[in-house]
Protein backbone atom coordinates (compact mmCIF):
# COMPACT_ATOMS: atom_id res chain seq x y z
CA MET A 1 -11.38 -16.27 7.60
CA THR A 2 -12.37 -19.34 10.14
CA HIS A 3 -10.62 -21.86 7.00
CA ALA A 4 -7.59 -20.16 8.41
CA ALA A 5 -7.28 -22.58 11.28
CA GLN A 6 -7.21 -26.07 9.58
CA VAL A 7 -3.86 -24.45 7.36
CA ASP A 8 -1.40 -26.75 8.06
CA THR A 9 1.43 -23.44 9.88
CA THR A 10 4.22 -26.10 10.78
CA ALA A 11 6.73 -24.93 8.03
CA VAL A 12 9.24 -22.48 8.41
CA PRO A 13 11.24 -21.30 5.53
CA ALA A 14 14.61 -21.69 7.72
CA GLY A 15 14.50 -25.43 7.37
CA GLU A 16 12.48 -29.02 7.37
CA THR A 17 13.74 -29.70 10.95
CA GLN A 18 11.82 -26.31 12.12
CA GLU A 19 8.93 -26.93 10.10
CA ARG A 20 8.19 -30.79 11.10
CA ASN A 21 8.96 -28.93 15.06
CA ARG A 22 6.60 -26.28 15.49
CA PRO A 23 3.46 -26.54 17.02
CA ARG A 24 0.09 -25.88 15.66
CA ILE A 25 -1.49 -21.78 16.39
CA SER A 26 -4.57 -21.69 17.90
CA ARG A 27 -7.56 -20.15 16.43
CA PRO A 28 -7.91 -16.76 19.10
CA MET A 29 -4.07 -16.54 18.43
CA ILE A 30 -4.51 -16.41 14.42
CA THR A 31 -7.08 -13.95 15.31
CA VAL A 32 -4.75 -11.88 17.90
CA GLY A 33 -1.98 -12.29 15.66
CA PHE A 34 -3.88 -11.22 12.32
CA LEU A 35 -5.10 -7.82 14.03
CA LEU A 36 -2.05 -7.20 15.04
CA ILE A 37 -0.44 -7.20 11.35
CA VAL A 38 -3.83 -5.04 10.29
CA LEU A 39 -2.90 -2.54 13.09
CA SER A 40 0.55 -2.30 12.31
CA TYR A 41 -0.48 -1.72 9.11
CA MET A 42 -2.92 0.97 9.64
CA VAL A 43 -0.50 2.71 11.72
CA ASN A 44 1.87 2.23 8.50
CA ALA A 45 -0.80 4.06 6.24
CA MET A 46 -1.29 7.24 8.81
CA ASP A 47 2.60 7.06 8.80
CA ARG A 48 2.15 7.99 5.20
CA GLN A 49 -0.61 10.01 4.83
CA VAL A 50 -0.40 12.61 7.88
CA PHE A 51 2.17 13.94 5.17
CA PRO A 52 -0.16 15.30 2.73
CA PRO A 53 -2.70 17.27 4.49
CA LEU A 54 -0.11 18.87 6.68
CA LEU A 55 2.15 20.38 3.39
CA PRO A 56 0.84 23.75 2.88
CA ASN A 57 2.01 24.56 6.70
CA ILE A 58 5.17 22.43 6.36
CA ARG A 59 6.06 24.53 2.99
CA ALA A 60 5.37 27.26 4.67
CA ASP A 61 7.60 26.55 7.78
CA TYR A 62 10.43 25.77 5.00
CA GLY A 63 9.64 27.92 2.24
CA PHE A 64 9.45 24.88 -0.07
CA SER A 65 8.34 25.47 -3.87
CA LEU A 66 5.23 23.07 -5.12
CA GLU A 67 7.66 21.11 -6.83
CA GLN A 68 9.41 20.46 -3.52
CA GLY A 69 6.15 19.66 -1.04
CA GLY A 70 5.31 17.41 -4.57
CA LEU A 71 8.32 15.32 -4.26
CA LEU A 72 8.47 15.48 -0.79
CA ALA A 73 4.72 13.80 -0.32
CA THR A 74 5.47 11.18 -2.45
CA ASN A 75 9.30 10.50 -2.01
CA PHE A 76 8.62 7.64 0.88
CA THR A 77 7.66 5.34 -2.07
CA LEU A 78 11.17 5.32 -3.21
CA GLY A 79 12.27 4.07 -0.03
CA MET A 80 9.40 1.47 -0.39
CA ALA A 81 10.81 0.62 -3.80
CA LEU A 82 14.67 0.33 -2.58
CA ALA A 83 13.60 -2.37 0.06
CA GLY A 84 10.65 -4.30 -1.97
CA LEU A 85 13.29 -6.30 -4.21
CA PRO A 86 15.84 -7.00 -0.89
CA ALA A 87 13.20 -7.32 1.64
CA GLY A 88 11.66 -10.23 -1.50
CA TYR A 89 14.92 -12.51 -1.22
CA LEU A 90 14.86 -12.31 2.36
CA LEU A 91 11.64 -13.30 2.90
CA ASP A 92 12.33 -16.53 0.97
CA ARG A 93 15.91 -17.21 2.88
CA PHE A 94 14.96 -15.79 6.79
CA ARG A 95 11.95 -15.36 9.16
CA ARG A 96 8.99 -12.86 7.91
CA LYS A 97 8.33 -12.08 11.61
CA THR A 98 11.65 -10.69 12.17
CA VAL A 99 11.67 -8.53 8.52
CA LEU A 100 8.43 -7.27 9.96
CA LEU A 101 9.53 -6.32 13.35
CA VAL A 102 12.29 -4.57 12.18
CA SER A 103 10.56 -2.50 9.75
CA ILE A 104 7.90 -1.58 11.72
CA VAL A 105 10.56 0.08 14.11
CA ILE A 106 12.59 1.86 10.93
CA TYR A 107 9.25 3.34 9.46
CA SER A 108 8.54 4.52 13.13
CA LEU A 109 11.85 6.09 13.64
CA GLY A 110 11.69 8.04 10.57
CA THR A 111 8.30 9.04 11.02
CA MET A 112 9.79 10.59 14.07
CA ALA A 113 12.63 11.85 12.53
CA THR A 114 10.76 14.14 10.25
CA PRO A 115 9.85 17.13 12.53
CA LEU A 116 13.66 17.36 13.25
CA ALA A 117 14.63 18.44 9.99
CA THR A 118 16.57 21.47 9.09
CA GLY A 119 15.85 21.92 4.88
CA PHE A 120 14.81 19.62 1.95
CA ALA A 121 17.76 17.22 1.98
CA ASP A 122 17.18 16.02 5.54
CA MET A 123 13.38 15.99 5.18
CA SER A 124 13.63 13.87 1.93
CA ALA A 125 16.17 11.23 3.67
CA TYR A 126 13.95 11.04 6.48
CA ARG A 127 11.11 10.59 4.21
CA VAL A 128 12.67 7.80 2.34
CA VAL A 129 13.94 6.06 5.14
CA SER A 130 10.38 6.06 6.67
CA GLY A 131 9.44 4.53 3.21
CA PHE A 132 12.19 1.90 3.64
CA GLY A 133 10.47 0.19 6.48
CA GLU A 134 7.41 0.28 5.24
CA GLY A 135 8.24 -1.11 1.83
CA MET A 136 9.83 -4.09 3.99
CA GLN A 137 6.59 -4.35 6.42
CA SER A 138 4.39 -4.77 3.12
CA ALA A 139 6.63 -7.54 1.63
CA ALA A 140 6.92 -9.12 5.03
CA ILE A 141 2.59 -8.93 5.62
CA PHE A 142 1.93 -9.90 2.45
CA ALA A 143 4.43 -12.95 1.74
CA ALA A 144 3.59 -14.09 5.16
CA MET A 145 -0.48 -13.29 4.67
CA GLY A 146 -0.41 -14.46 0.78
CA ALA A 147 1.18 -17.89 2.34
CA PHE A 148 -0.80 -18.63 5.68
CA PHE A 149 -3.78 -17.71 3.83
CA ALA A 150 -3.18 -19.85 0.36
CA HIS A 151 -7.37 -20.07 -0.75
CA ARG A 152 -8.65 -17.21 0.00
CA ARG A 153 -5.70 -14.58 -0.73
CA GLY A 154 -7.63 -11.58 -2.26
CA LEU A 155 -10.15 -11.43 0.95
CA ALA A 156 -6.69 -11.60 3.14
CA PHE A 157 -5.15 -9.06 1.06
CA GLY A 158 -8.87 -7.26 1.19
CA VAL A 159 -9.01 -7.44 5.14
CA ILE A 160 -5.22 -5.66 5.55
CA GLY A 161 -6.10 -3.42 2.68
CA ALA A 162 -8.98 -1.74 5.15
CA GLY A 163 -7.04 -2.00 7.87
CA TYR A 164 -4.75 1.18 5.64
CA SER A 165 -7.76 2.65 4.78
CA ILE A 166 -8.47 3.09 8.36
CA GLY A 167 -5.75 4.79 8.59
CA VAL A 168 -5.68 6.99 5.62
CA PHE A 169 -9.41 7.95 6.43
CA ILE A 170 -7.95 8.57 10.34
CA ALA A 171 -4.89 10.10 9.92
CA PRO A 172 -5.68 13.60 8.53
CA LEU A 173 -8.61 14.55 10.86
CA ILE A 174 -5.76 13.29 13.63
CA GLY A 175 -3.23 14.80 12.39
CA VAL A 176 -4.76 18.34 11.45
CA ARG A 177 -6.59 18.46 15.12
CA LEU A 178 -3.04 17.27 16.72
CA MET A 179 -1.73 20.39 14.77
CA SER A 180 -4.58 22.67 16.08
CA THR A 181 -4.06 21.32 18.93
CA HIS A 182 -0.50 21.55 19.82
CA GLY A 183 0.17 24.26 17.28
CA THR A 184 3.05 22.76 15.69
CA TRP A 185 2.88 20.28 12.86
CA HIS A 186 5.49 18.68 14.42
CA SER A 187 3.10 16.50 16.97
CA PRO A 188 1.22 14.43 14.50
CA PHE A 189 4.20 13.09 13.75
CA TYR A 190 5.90 11.81 17.31
CA VAL A 191 2.63 10.56 17.86
CA PHE A 192 1.90 8.11 14.95
CA GLY A 193 6.29 7.10 15.34
CA ALA A 194 5.57 6.27 19.22
CA ALA A 195 2.22 4.65 18.28
CA GLY A 196 4.63 2.31 15.99
CA LEU A 197 6.65 1.32 18.06
CA LEU A 198 4.47 0.70 20.71
CA ILE A 199 3.02 -1.84 17.70
CA ALA A 200 6.76 -3.31 16.96
CA ALA A 201 6.62 -4.59 21.25
CA ALA A 202 3.14 -5.90 21.09
CA SER A 203 4.03 -7.96 17.94
CA LEU A 204 6.87 -9.41 19.35
CA PHE A 205 4.78 -11.28 21.91
CA LEU A 206 1.33 -11.65 20.12
CA VAL A 207 2.51 -12.37 16.68
CA LYS A 208 3.13 -15.89 16.70
CA THR A 209 5.42 -17.65 14.04
CA GLY A 210 3.37 -20.06 13.20
CA LEU A 211 1.01 -17.18 11.47
CA THR A 212 4.12 -15.73 9.87
CA GLU A 213 6.44 -18.51 9.01
CA THR A 214 4.02 -20.96 6.98
CA SER A 215 4.94 -22.29 3.71
CA VAL A 216 2.62 -22.19 1.06
CA ALA A 217 3.62 -25.26 -0.66
CA LYS A 218 2.31 -27.36 2.18
CA VAL A 219 -0.81 -25.30 2.16
CA VAL A 220 -1.35 -26.24 -1.26
CA ALA A 221 0.59 -29.57 -1.33
CA THR A 222 -1.29 -31.46 -3.46
CA LYS A 223 -1.60 -29.38 -6.60
CA THR A 224 0.76 -28.83 -9.56
CA TYR A 225 2.34 -26.01 -11.42
CA GLU A 226 3.86 -27.88 -14.94
CA HIS A 227 1.37 -24.65 -16.46
CA MET A 228 2.90 -21.89 -14.78
CA PRO A 229 6.49 -20.72 -16.43
CA ALA A 230 9.58 -21.46 -14.13
CA SER A 231 10.94 -18.20 -13.66
CA ALA A 232 9.21 -16.22 -10.60
CA TYR A 233 9.99 -12.89 -13.78
CA ASN A 234 7.66 -14.20 -16.55
CA ARG A 235 4.93 -12.29 -19.26
CA ASN A 236 1.94 -11.85 -16.56
CA THR A 237 4.74 -10.77 -13.47
CA ILE A 238 6.23 -8.31 -16.01
CA ALA A 239 2.93 -6.94 -17.31
CA LEU A 240 1.00 -7.02 -14.33
CA ALA A 241 4.72 -5.13 -12.69
CA VAL A 242 3.57 -2.42 -15.98
CA HIS A 243 0.42 -2.01 -14.56
CA SER A 244 1.65 -1.38 -10.79
CA VAL A 245 4.22 1.08 -12.28
CA VAL A 246 1.61 3.30 -14.36
CA SER A 247 -1.42 2.94 -11.82
CA GLY A 248 1.43 3.78 -8.51
CA VAL A 249 2.46 7.06 -10.40
CA ALA A 250 -1.24 8.11 -11.10
CA ILE A 251 -2.90 6.98 -7.78
CA TYR A 252 0.47 8.43 -5.61
CA GLY A 253 -0.03 11.43 -7.82
CA PHE A 254 -3.48 12.27 -6.90
CA LEU A 255 -2.88 11.42 -3.06
CA GLY A 256 0.46 13.56 -2.98
CA LEU A 257 -1.27 16.67 -3.94
CA TYR A 258 -5.19 16.08 -4.03
CA PRO A 259 -5.16 18.49 -0.24
CA THR A 260 -3.19 20.72 -1.68
CA TYR A 261 -5.19 21.26 -5.26
CA LEU A 262 -8.27 21.30 -3.27
CA ILE A 263 -6.43 24.05 -0.83
CA THR A 264 -5.20 26.04 -3.36
CA SER A 265 -7.41 25.30 -6.62
CA LEU A 266 -10.94 24.87 -4.73
CA HIS A 267 -10.36 27.70 -1.40
CA TYR A 268 -11.12 24.72 0.82
CA SER A 269 -10.04 25.01 4.31
CA THR A 270 -7.85 22.84 5.82
CA ASP A 271 -10.14 20.89 7.46
CA GLN A 272 -12.41 20.72 4.65
CA ALA A 273 -9.73 19.30 2.27
CA ALA A 274 -9.02 16.68 5.73
CA LEU A 275 -12.14 15.46 5.72
CA ALA A 276 -11.76 14.86 2.08
CA MET A 277 -8.85 12.80 2.43
CA SER A 278 -10.62 10.75 4.80
CA LEU A 279 -13.23 10.24 2.47
CA LEU A 280 -10.62 8.64 0.07
CA GLY A 281 -9.37 6.41 2.96
CA PHE A 282 -13.12 5.53 3.98
CA GLY A 283 -13.61 4.79 0.03
CA GLY A 284 -10.46 2.28 0.76
CA MET A 285 -12.07 0.26 3.13
CA THR A 286 -14.06 -1.34 0.34
CA ALA A 287 -11.13 -3.37 -0.06
CA ILE A 288 -13.00 -5.85 1.97
CA PHE A 289 -15.33 -6.56 -1.07
CA GLY A 290 -12.82 -5.51 -3.67
CA GLY A 291 -10.21 -8.38 -2.32
CA TRP A 292 -13.33 -10.91 -1.86
CA LEU A 293 -14.17 -10.20 -5.26
CA GLY A 294 -11.00 -10.96 -7.35
CA ASP A 295 -10.85 -14.42 -5.43
CA ARG A 296 -14.10 -15.27 -7.11
CA VAL A 297 -13.40 -13.33 -10.78
CA ASN A 298 -11.36 -12.53 -13.49
CA GLN A 299 -8.97 -10.47 -11.80
CA ARG A 300 -7.18 -9.15 -14.81
CA THR A 301 -11.05 -7.74 -16.00
CA LEU A 302 -11.48 -6.02 -12.74
CA LEU A 303 -8.35 -4.67 -12.20
CA ALA A 304 -9.37 -3.27 -16.13
CA VAL A 305 -12.45 -2.15 -14.97
CA SER A 306 -11.54 -0.45 -11.76
CA LEU A 307 -8.84 1.78 -14.05
CA LEU A 308 -11.34 2.87 -16.08
CA ALA A 309 -13.55 4.30 -12.87
CA VAL A 310 -10.64 5.73 -11.55
CA SER A 311 -9.95 7.49 -14.75
CA ALA A 312 -14.10 8.62 -14.91
CA ILE A 313 -13.72 9.91 -11.17
CA SER A 314 -10.60 11.93 -12.01
CA LEU A 315 -12.54 13.61 -15.32
CA CYS A 316 -15.06 14.67 -12.50
CA ILE A 317 -12.41 15.74 -10.00
CA TYR A 318 -10.50 17.83 -12.33
CA THR A 319 -13.26 19.49 -14.56
CA THR A 320 -16.28 19.97 -12.65
CA GLN A 321 -14.69 22.57 -9.58
CA ALA A 322 -17.20 20.46 -7.09
CA GLY A 323 -18.41 21.51 -4.00
CA VAL A 324 -17.14 19.83 -0.60
CA GLY A 325 -19.96 17.64 -0.41
CA VAL A 326 -19.59 16.75 -4.49
CA GLN A 327 -16.18 15.79 -3.80
CA CYS A 328 -16.31 14.05 -0.64
CA VAL A 329 -17.94 11.43 -2.55
CA TYR A 330 -15.64 11.91 -5.50
CA ALA A 331 -12.63 10.68 -3.10
CA PHE A 332 -14.77 7.97 -1.76
CA LEU A 333 -15.01 6.64 -5.25
CA MET A 334 -11.40 7.14 -5.55
CA GLY A 335 -10.26 5.79 -2.15
CA ALA A 336 -12.78 2.85 -3.26
CA PHE A 337 -11.33 2.05 -6.92
CA GLY A 338 -7.78 2.89 -6.35
CA LEU A 339 -7.05 1.81 -2.90
CA GLY A 340 -10.02 -0.78 -2.33
CA PHE A 341 -10.20 -2.32 -5.93
CA ILE A 342 -6.71 -2.14 -7.42
CA TYR A 343 -4.07 -2.37 -4.41
CA PRO A 344 -5.09 -5.88 -3.20
CA ASN A 345 -6.02 -7.19 -6.51
CA THR A 346 -2.64 -6.40 -8.15
CA ASN A 347 -0.77 -7.62 -5.12
CA SER A 348 -2.72 -10.88 -4.83
CA ALA A 349 -2.22 -10.96 -8.89
CA ILE A 350 1.15 -11.15 -8.95
CA GLN A 351 1.74 -13.91 -5.90
CA ARG A 352 -0.84 -15.91 -8.29
CA ALA A 353 1.59 -15.33 -11.27
CA VAL A 354 4.25 -17.23 -10.16
CA ARG A 355 4.51 -20.51 -7.98
CA PRO A 356 4.31 -20.87 -4.20
CA GLU A 357 7.95 -20.92 -3.50
CA GLN A 358 8.71 -17.63 -5.24
CA ILE A 359 5.48 -15.86 -3.26
CA GLY A 360 8.38 -13.61 -1.41
CA ARG A 361 10.03 -12.48 -4.63
CA ALA A 362 6.41 -11.82 -6.69
CA SER A 363 5.70 -9.89 -3.16
CA GLY A 364 9.29 -7.93 -3.50
CA LEU A 365 8.64 -7.51 -7.22
CA PHE A 366 4.98 -5.89 -6.39
CA VAL A 367 6.35 -3.20 -3.61
CA SER A 368 9.23 -2.25 -5.81
CA SER A 369 7.06 -1.59 -9.22
CA TYR A 370 4.37 -0.26 -7.45
CA TYR A 371 6.06 2.12 -5.69
CA GLY A 372 9.43 2.84 -6.92
CA PRO A 373 8.68 5.41 -9.78
CA ALA A 374 5.47 6.63 -7.50
CA ALA A 375 8.46 8.23 -5.62
CA PHE A 376 8.65 11.12 -8.66
CA SER A 377 4.83 11.37 -9.11
CA GLY A 378 4.19 13.98 -6.80
CA LEU A 379 7.00 15.98 -8.64
CA LEU A 380 5.86 15.03 -11.79
CA PHE A 381 2.37 16.52 -11.04
CA ALA A 382 3.10 19.44 -9.53
CA ALA A 383 5.46 20.01 -12.45
CA LEU A 384 2.50 19.35 -15.27
CA VAL A 385 0.27 22.04 -12.97
CA ASP A 386 3.77 24.38 -13.50
CA SER A 387 2.97 24.07 -17.22
CA PHE A 388 -0.71 23.58 -17.42
CA GLY A 389 -2.76 23.75 -14.58
CA TRP A 390 -4.23 21.89 -12.26
CA GLY A 391 -7.15 20.89 -14.39
CA ARG A 392 -5.08 19.96 -17.90
CA ALA A 393 -2.49 18.24 -15.25
CA GLY A 394 -5.24 15.83 -13.55
CA LEU A 395 -6.66 15.27 -16.98
CA LEU A 396 -2.70 13.78 -17.52
CA GLN A 397 -1.56 11.99 -14.96
CA VAL A 398 -4.60 10.77 -13.49
CA THR A 399 -6.87 10.40 -16.32
CA VAL A 400 -5.07 8.91 -19.00
CA LEU A 401 -1.92 6.99 -17.26
CA PRO A 402 -4.87 4.59 -15.72
CA LEU A 403 -5.66 3.84 -19.16
CA VAL A 404 -2.12 2.97 -20.40
CA ALA A 405 -2.60 -0.04 -17.28
CA VAL A 406 -5.28 -1.12 -18.62
CA ALA A 407 -3.53 -1.30 -22.10
CA ALA A 408 -0.43 -3.51 -19.61
CA LEU A 409 -3.13 -5.88 -18.55
CA VAL A 410 -3.89 -7.29 -22.13
CA PHE A 411 -1.16 -9.64 -22.35
CA VAL A 412 -1.88 -11.16 -18.44
CA ARG A 413 -2.69 -14.80 -19.05
CA THR A 414 -4.96 -15.67 -15.55
CA SER A 415 -5.19 -19.37 -17.37
CA GLN A 416 -1.65 -19.41 -16.15
CA PHE A 417 -2.16 -18.39 -12.52
CA SER A 418 -1.54 -20.75 -9.48
CA ASP A 419 -5.40 -20.64 -8.55
CA ALA A 420 -6.03 -21.35 -12.31
CA VAL A 421 -9.14 -24.59 -12.98
CA ARG A 422 -7.11 -27.52 -14.70
């Protein structure tokens, strides 16, 4: 992404005077800052995904039911959803770097507080607080990088998504190892939370405002947008938001209870379930390719194909009773299409569906629509399991729902995207 060095990084949303006076950022500092942002998003993922593989132990300690465990595994996304639209509003009016740093501190403290819970209610609250910070960070990162890498937005989001997937990959392995070493599931939460605070401190000095405060309008000043709707909440963004809601419920329901399914239904060991979960994160590292591809092909078509793939893979996972090796292949493929293709391209597509000055609101809309209903996806999945068993529950939530998301994409008109050829 060496093109970033030619980007005008002098713009600051807070005012024209700041915009004119802001110095250019050097290429090395672009690289350092961007890599630190990716690292912070990786820790974000680690904080989210360390919970599911430890859930059987947490349930045993507290006596939580499967429904309670399922809700705890995914209710952090409620906090993300609550943060989405307010964060979008703030990002269009205040410094993105400030929002970014505050968000990292919030979710790190929420993660460290989780083992301090005395029961279901306060653990739920800590998970929601952690999710609120993660939602703020997601909106800040994608608004800032969507503006700075305006011409290669999909690829930039793919690299960030790959960082997230590395976090998904290593969190179960590190989390289970730390639990085994220290004899308690508490230690991974303390270690991951402390890592986030260290990254926030480093970002204060090493992530320059020239990277985070770029105005996309300056980057693409030669383009006109008469072909686009004036409102940020238009046909395309609404259709993509519906797609986000449905795909978020399907994917996060799967992520939240996948290790529990492997342990309780297929009788895998905790280490085997952690391995499968890690392979899912490894598959998500294809986000670099998925984002790059999204810059070059019709994103509506790419998203529809990816959703159909998720549906087919889910069918295999919940009907074949596969052994560890085959199940790891399924997990890798689910990560590739669910995290590597759907996530970055939905995010970038929503930004392309609005005019440049509305990117903050688009980023907030994505976070709220993707993560809001997903907060209850684990609870829904657990209720379906209790009523129909793992096989039918998986087919209903992870096989059928992606088909509904495909239907929502029919209403998307890519000819009204900001990068449409005129």
